[in-house]
Amino acid sequence: MVATLGVLGTATPAVASTTTPSSPRGEVGTTITTASAEHYGERTLQGTWDAEVRTTIPSEGESTLTFLADGTLGPPDSGTWKDGPHGTFTFDLRYTRYDEDGTVIGHTEGHQQGRIDQHGLTFRSAGTTEVYDLEGNVVQRFDLFISATRAED
C-alpha cells in the first residue's frame, strides 16, 4: 500500500438526525446525529474507504481501499478480504512495484487484521507488509497501521 499512497479529498458519510422531544418541564431536547442504518446495513468491510496509513519504516500517507462484494479488492490493489464476527475482518493485498521509468521491480504483499466500529463507519487495522524483488526475495518488512473512514457510497 505504501507505493500507492496518494492525496485524497475528504468524504462525508450520509447521516440522519433525530431530535428528542422537550420534557414536560420545558427542557429542550437534544439532537443526535448517527449514520443511516438503511445506507450502510451491516458492519461489513464491503465498500470504499479513505485511509490514513502509517508504517514502522517510518512513513505515512493516504490511500483509498475498495472492498468488492465478491471478496476481492478493487484496483489498483489485488487481493482478498473476509468479514469476521463482531465487526472483525482480515484482508490480504498484493500490488506490483515500479521504478521511476515504469519498469517492474517487484511486488508488495500485505496482511491486515482489524475491526469495524459499531456503526460501520470507521475501521482500524494492523498487519505486516513485505516488499519483494523480481527474484521473490524479501527486501523489506515492516508493520503497517490503517485508520479508515467509509467513503460516501
Protein backbone atom coordinates (compact mmCIF):
# COMPACT_ATOMS: atom_id res chain seq x y z
CA MET A 1 0.00 0.00 0.00
CA VAL A 2 2.86 2.40 0.63
CA ALA A 3 3.67 2.65 -3.08
CA THR A 4 0.09 3.55 -3.96
CA LEU A 5 -0.34 6.35 -1.44
CA GLY A 6 -1.90 9.47 -2.89
CA VAL A 7 -3.66 12.62 -1.82
CA LEU A 8 -7.38 12.21 -1.19
CA GLY A 9 -10.31 14.52 -0.69
CA THR A 10 -12.44 14.28 2.40
CA ALA A 11 -15.61 12.22 2.15
CA THR A 12 -18.54 12.69 4.49
CA PRO A 13 -20.78 9.72 5.28
CA ALA A 14 -24.53 10.06 4.95
CA VAL A 15 -26.17 10.92 8.26
CA ALA A 16 -29.65 11.11 9.70
CA SER A 17 -30.61 13.42 12.54
CA THR A 18 -33.17 12.74 15.22
CA THR A 19 -34.39 15.12 17.88
CA THR A 20 -35.74 14.03 21.24
CA PRO A 21 -38.84 15.96 22.31
CA SER A 22 -38.83 18.57 25.05
CA SER A 23 -39.55 17.24 28.52
CA PRO A 24 -42.79 18.08 30.39
CA ARG A 25 -40.76 20.56 32.46
CA GLY A 26 -39.92 22.58 29.34
CA GLU A 27 -36.31 21.34 28.95
CA VAL A 28 -35.03 21.45 25.39
CA GLY A 29 -34.48 18.11 23.63
CA THR A 30 -31.15 17.07 22.15
CA THR A 31 -30.20 16.38 18.56
CA ILE A 32 -28.24 13.20 17.90
CA THR A 33 -26.59 12.60 14.53
CA THR A 34 -25.96 8.97 13.58
CA ALA A 35 -25.17 7.01 10.45
CA SER A 36 -28.17 5.99 8.44
CA ALA A 37 -28.75 2.28 9.07
CA GLU A 38 -30.50 1.96 5.71
CA HIS A 39 -27.44 3.31 3.93
CA TYR A 40 -24.76 1.14 5.50
CA GLY A 41 -26.54 -2.03 6.60
CA GLU A 42 -24.29 -4.45 8.43
CA ARG A 43 -20.80 -3.92 9.82
CA THR A 44 -19.04 -5.05 6.67
CA LEU A 45 -15.80 -4.09 5.02
CA GLN A 46 -17.53 -4.05 1.63
CA GLY A 47 -17.33 -0.59 0.09
CA THR A 48 -14.80 2.20 -0.42
CA TRP A 49 -12.72 3.61 2.42
CA ASP A 50 -10.48 6.67 2.74
CA ALA A 51 -7.47 5.50 4.72
CA GLU A 52 -4.66 7.08 6.69
CA VAL A 53 -1.66 4.76 6.63
CA ARG A 54 1.32 4.70 8.99
CA THR A 55 4.28 2.32 8.94
CA THR A 56 7.25 1.42 11.13
CA ILE A 57 9.67 2.44 8.32
CA PRO A 58 8.59 5.24 9.37
CA SER A 59 6.32 6.69 6.73
CA GLU A 60 2.72 7.81 6.45
CA GLY A 61 0.22 8.86 3.84
CA GLU A 62 -3.28 8.45 2.49
CA SER A 63 -4.86 5.86 0.26
CA THR A 64 -8.24 4.62 -0.95
CA LEU A 65 -9.21 0.98 -0.43
CA THR A 66 -12.12 -0.69 -2.20
CA PHE A 67 -13.53 -3.99 -0.96
CA LEU A 68 -15.77 -5.60 -3.58
CA ALA A 69 -18.85 -7.77 -2.89
CA ASP A 70 -17.12 -10.88 -4.27
CA GLY A 71 -14.44 -10.78 -1.53
CA THR A 72 -11.70 -9.19 -3.64
CA LEU A 73 -10.00 -5.79 -3.50
CA GLY A 74 -10.59 -3.21 -6.22
CA PRO A 75 -7.85 -1.73 -8.39
CA PRO A 76 -5.11 -0.72 -8.16
CA ASP A 77 -4.69 -3.37 -5.45
CA SER A 78 -5.48 -7.04 -5.83
CA GLY A 79 -6.22 -9.42 -3.03
CA THR A 80 -8.96 -10.90 -0.91
CA TRP A 81 -10.90 -9.91 2.20
CA LYS A 82 -13.22 -11.60 4.67
CA ASP A 83 -15.62 -10.28 7.31
CA GLY A 84 -15.43 -11.99 10.69
CA PRO A 85 -17.64 -11.98 13.77
CA HIS A 86 -18.47 -8.80 15.71
CA GLY A 87 -17.06 -6.40 13.13
CA THR A 88 -13.68 -8.11 12.75
CA PHE A 89 -12.08 -8.71 9.35
CA THR A 90 -8.91 -9.75 7.56
CA PHE A 91 -7.55 -8.86 4.18
CA ASP A 92 -4.53 -9.71 2.07
CA LEU A 93 -3.36 -7.47 -0.73
CA ARG A 94 -0.72 -7.50 -3.41
CA TYR A 95 0.41 -4.88 -5.87
CA THR A 96 3.19 -4.54 -8.42
CA ARG A 97 6.07 -2.14 -7.74
CA TYR A 98 7.57 0.05 -10.47
CA ASP A 99 10.64 2.27 -10.66
CA GLU A 100 10.60 5.89 -11.89
CA ASP A 101 10.77 4.72 -15.54
CA GLY A 102 7.76 2.41 -15.20
CA THR A 103 9.82 -0.80 -15.16
CA VAL A 104 8.51 -3.56 -12.87
CA ILE A 105 10.94 -4.03 -9.96
CA GLY A 106 8.96 -6.45 -7.77
CA HIS A 107 5.80 -6.58 -5.74
CA THR A 108 4.44 -5.89 -2.26
CA GLU A 109 2.22 -8.17 -0.15
CA GLY A 110 0.37 -7.20 3.00
CA HIS A 111 -1.84 -8.89 5.57
CA GLN A 112 -4.17 -6.88 7.84
CA GLN A 113 -6.46 -7.75 10.73
CA GLY A 114 -8.88 -5.22 12.12
CA ARG A 115 -12.25 -4.19 13.47
CA ILE A 116 -15.03 -2.01 12.11
CA ASP A 117 -16.71 0.34 14.59
CA GLN A 118 -20.24 -0.44 15.78
CA HIS A 119 -21.80 1.92 13.22
CA GLY A 120 -19.85 0.55 10.26
CA LEU A 121 -18.30 3.96 9.51
CA THR A 122 -14.65 3.57 10.55
CA PHE A 123 -12.12 0.81 10.94
CA ARG A 124 -8.65 0.31 12.35
CA SER A 125 -6.31 -2.46 11.30
CA ALA A 126 -2.72 -3.56 11.70
CA GLY A 127 -0.51 -6.05 9.97
CA THR A 128 2.76 -6.86 8.28
CA THR A 129 3.84 -5.86 4.79
CA GLU A 130 6.67 -7.46 2.81
CA VAL A 131 8.40 -5.97 -0.23
CA TYR A 132 9.79 -8.45 -2.79
CA ASP A 133 12.31 -8.06 -5.61
CA LEU A 134 11.87 -9.68 -9.04
CA GLU A 135 13.51 -12.91 -7.83
CA GLY A 136 11.00 -13.28 -4.99
CA ASN A 137 13.38 -12.26 -2.20
CA VAL A 138 12.04 -10.21 0.70
CA VAL A 139 13.93 -6.89 0.60
CA GLN A 140 11.94 -5.11 3.29
CA ARG A 141 9.45 -6.00 6.02
CA PHE A 142 7.51 -3.53 8.15
CA ASP A 143 4.35 -3.15 10.21
CA LEU A 144 1.53 -1.14 8.69
CA PHE A 145 -1.36 0.53 10.55
CA ILE A 146 -4.56 1.80 8.93
CA SER A 147 -7.23 4.14 10.25
CA ALA A 148 -10.06 4.45 7.70
CA THR A 149 -13.40 6.18 7.21
CA ARG A 150 -16.10 4.86 4.92
CA ALA A 151 -16.28 7.00 1.79
CA GLU A 152 -19.69 8.18 0.65
CA ASP A 153 -21.07 5.31 -1.46
